[in-house]
Amino acid sequence: MIDFTVYNLETGQILRVGSCFDDLVEHQPQADEGVIEGRYDQATTTLLMGVPSLRPTQLTVLDKLEIIANGVDAVTISNAPSGLFTAINIETGELVSGTLSGSDTFMTTVKGRYKLTLIAFPFLDFEAVINAL
């Protein structure tokens, strides 16, 4: 058995990993996919042109981690790459999502702790917890 990693040929994003008999490795990728021997972690690695490398860190900045839940006080998010943004209230499970690029703000009228996540491949995912008082 041999470990393998399948990735998107255009972006280098790892799509899946697995194991199979040696003679079946070449049959693992679909159209527009490549395969490489070994098991790589999609959370930390990209395979651009089939070469493993660490995903770069986002340079996203939050100006504060605590706000007043009054719908006015806000966290300013800056230097964010274009990507999918989610904010989930850890206590209630309430979720808001959208896209974000450059700078934006996050505010709420509901008290609680919010986990903010920005997913922008090839960058590592950015996560922070905001306390809304």
Protein backbone atom coordinates (compact mmCIF):
# COMPACT_ATOMS: atom_id res chain seq x y z
CA MET A 1 0.00 0.00 0.00
CA ILE A 2 1.10 3.52 -0.75
CA ASP A 3 -0.09 6.85 0.68
CA PHE A 4 -1.11 9.52 -1.84
CA THR A 5 -2.42 13.08 -1.97
CA VAL A 6 -4.70 14.40 -4.73
CA TYR A 7 -4.59 18.14 -5.47
CA ASN A 8 -6.05 20.73 -7.86
CA LEU A 9 -3.56 21.26 -10.70
CA GLU A 10 -4.44 24.96 -11.08
CA THR A 11 -4.46 26.09 -7.43
CA GLY A 12 -2.38 23.45 -5.64
CA GLN A 13 -5.18 22.98 -3.09
CA ILE A 14 -5.17 19.52 -1.53
CA LEU A 15 -8.47 17.79 -2.20
CA ARG A 16 -8.08 14.39 -0.57
CA VAL A 17 -5.58 11.88 0.80
CA GLY A 18 -5.66 8.11 0.95
CA SER A 19 -3.90 4.80 0.52
CA CYS A 20 -4.09 2.24 -2.26
CA PHE A 21 -2.09 -0.45 -4.01
CA ASP A 22 0.95 0.94 -5.85
CA ASP A 23 -0.48 0.24 -9.31
CA LEU A 24 -3.69 2.20 -8.55
CA VAL A 25 -2.10 5.54 -7.55
CA GLU A 26 -2.23 6.87 -11.12
CA HIS A 27 -6.00 6.24 -11.19
CA GLN A 28 -6.78 8.44 -8.15
CA PRO A 29 -6.91 11.90 -9.74
CA GLN A 30 -9.88 13.07 -11.81
CA ALA A 31 -9.79 15.72 -14.57
CA ASP A 32 -7.80 18.83 -13.56
CA GLU A 33 -6.26 16.99 -10.60
CA GLY A 34 -2.76 15.74 -9.88
CA VAL A 35 -1.49 13.07 -7.50
CA ILE A 36 1.69 12.87 -5.47
CA GLU A 37 3.05 10.08 -3.32
CA GLY A 38 2.81 10.77 0.40
CA ARG A 39 0.21 12.11 2.78
CA TYR A 40 0.08 15.92 3.12
CA ASP A 41 -2.06 18.05 5.44
CA GLN A 42 -4.49 20.29 3.54
CA ALA A 43 -4.71 22.68 6.51
CA THR A 44 -1.03 23.63 6.27
CA THR A 45 0.27 22.54 2.85
CA THR A 46 -0.23 23.46 -0.80
CA LEU A 47 1.02 21.45 -3.77
CA LEU A 48 1.47 24.07 -6.48
CA MET A 49 2.97 22.32 -9.52
CA GLY A 50 3.17 19.18 -7.36
CA VAL A 51 5.74 20.68 -5.00
CA PRO A 52 4.78 20.63 -1.31
CA SER A 53 5.12 23.96 0.47
CA LEU A 54 3.65 25.57 3.56
CA ARG A 55 0.60 27.76 3.05
CA PRO A 56 1.39 31.44 3.79
CA THR A 57 0.05 33.14 6.91
CA GLN A 58 -2.68 35.75 6.49
CA LEU A 59 -1.74 39.28 7.49
CA THR A 60 -5.30 40.02 8.62
CA VAL A 61 -5.48 42.42 11.58
CA LEU A 62 -8.26 43.07 14.12
CA ASP A 63 -8.12 46.37 16.02
CA LYS A 64 -9.64 44.84 19.17
CA LEU A 65 -11.06 41.59 20.55
CA GLU A 66 -13.78 43.04 22.78
CA ILE A 67 -16.79 45.16 21.83
CA ILE A 68 -20.00 46.44 23.41
CA ALA A 69 -22.99 44.57 21.91
CA ASN A 70 -24.88 47.74 20.98
CA GLY A 71 -24.84 47.55 17.17
CA VAL A 72 -22.46 50.53 17.03
CA ASP A 73 -19.17 49.47 18.63
CA ALA A 74 -17.29 47.36 16.09
CA VAL A 75 -14.13 45.39 15.44
CA THR A 76 -12.28 46.74 12.42
CA ILE A 77 -10.87 43.98 10.23
CA SER A 78 -8.06 45.10 7.96
CA ASN A 79 -5.50 43.73 5.51
CA ALA A 80 -7.69 40.70 4.79
CA PRO A 81 -7.27 38.70 1.58
CA SER A 82 -10.41 38.03 -0.45
CA GLY A 83 -12.20 35.06 1.05
CA LEU A 84 -15.13 33.51 2.89
CA PHE A 85 -15.92 35.14 6.24
CA THR A 86 -17.96 33.52 9.02
CA ALA A 87 -18.87 34.68 12.51
CA ILE A 88 -20.51 32.19 14.84
CA ASN A 89 -21.87 32.95 18.30
CA ILE A 90 -20.19 30.23 20.37
CA GLU A 91 -23.05 30.13 22.91
CA THR A 92 -26.10 30.21 20.58
CA GLY A 93 -24.70 28.79 17.35
CA GLU A 94 -26.05 31.78 15.39
CA LEU A 95 -24.01 32.11 12.19
CA VAL A 96 -23.44 34.94 9.73
CA SER A 97 -21.30 34.54 6.64
CA GLY A 98 -20.25 36.35 3.51
CA THR A 99 -17.19 37.43 1.59
CA LEU A 100 -14.52 39.80 2.78
CA SER A 101 -11.61 41.55 1.11
CA GLY A 102 -9.37 44.32 2.38
CA SER A 103 -11.16 45.87 5.34
CA ASP A 104 -14.56 45.65 6.98
CA THR A 105 -16.18 45.76 10.42
CA PHE A 106 -17.98 43.31 12.68
CA MET A 107 -20.63 44.43 15.16
CA THR A 108 -23.57 42.83 16.95
CA THR A 109 -26.44 43.56 19.34
CA VAL A 110 -26.28 40.07 20.86
CA LYS A 111 -23.93 39.49 23.79
CA GLY A 112 -21.62 36.49 23.65
CA ARG A 113 -18.37 35.15 22.29
CA TYR A 114 -18.01 35.08 18.51
CA LYS A 115 -15.55 32.96 16.58
CA LEU A 116 -14.51 34.87 13.45
CA THR A 117 -12.99 32.82 10.61
CA LEU A 118 -11.60 33.96 7.26
CA ILE A 119 -10.85 31.25 4.69
CA ALA A 120 -8.81 32.53 1.74
CA PHE A 121 -6.80 29.81 -0.02
CA PRO A 122 -3.81 29.59 -0.39
CA PHE A 123 -3.46 31.41 2.93
CA LEU A 124 -3.79 29.61 6.24
CA ASP A 125 -7.24 30.08 7.79
CA PHE A 126 -7.49 33.07 10.15
CA GLU A 127 -9.43 32.67 13.40
CA ALA A 128 -10.09 34.95 16.35
CA VAL A 129 -12.60 35.11 19.20
CA ILE A 130 -14.44 38.38 19.87
CA ASN A 131 -16.11 38.99 23.22
CA ALA A 132 -19.31 41.06 22.83
CA LEU A 133 -20.32 42.52 26.21
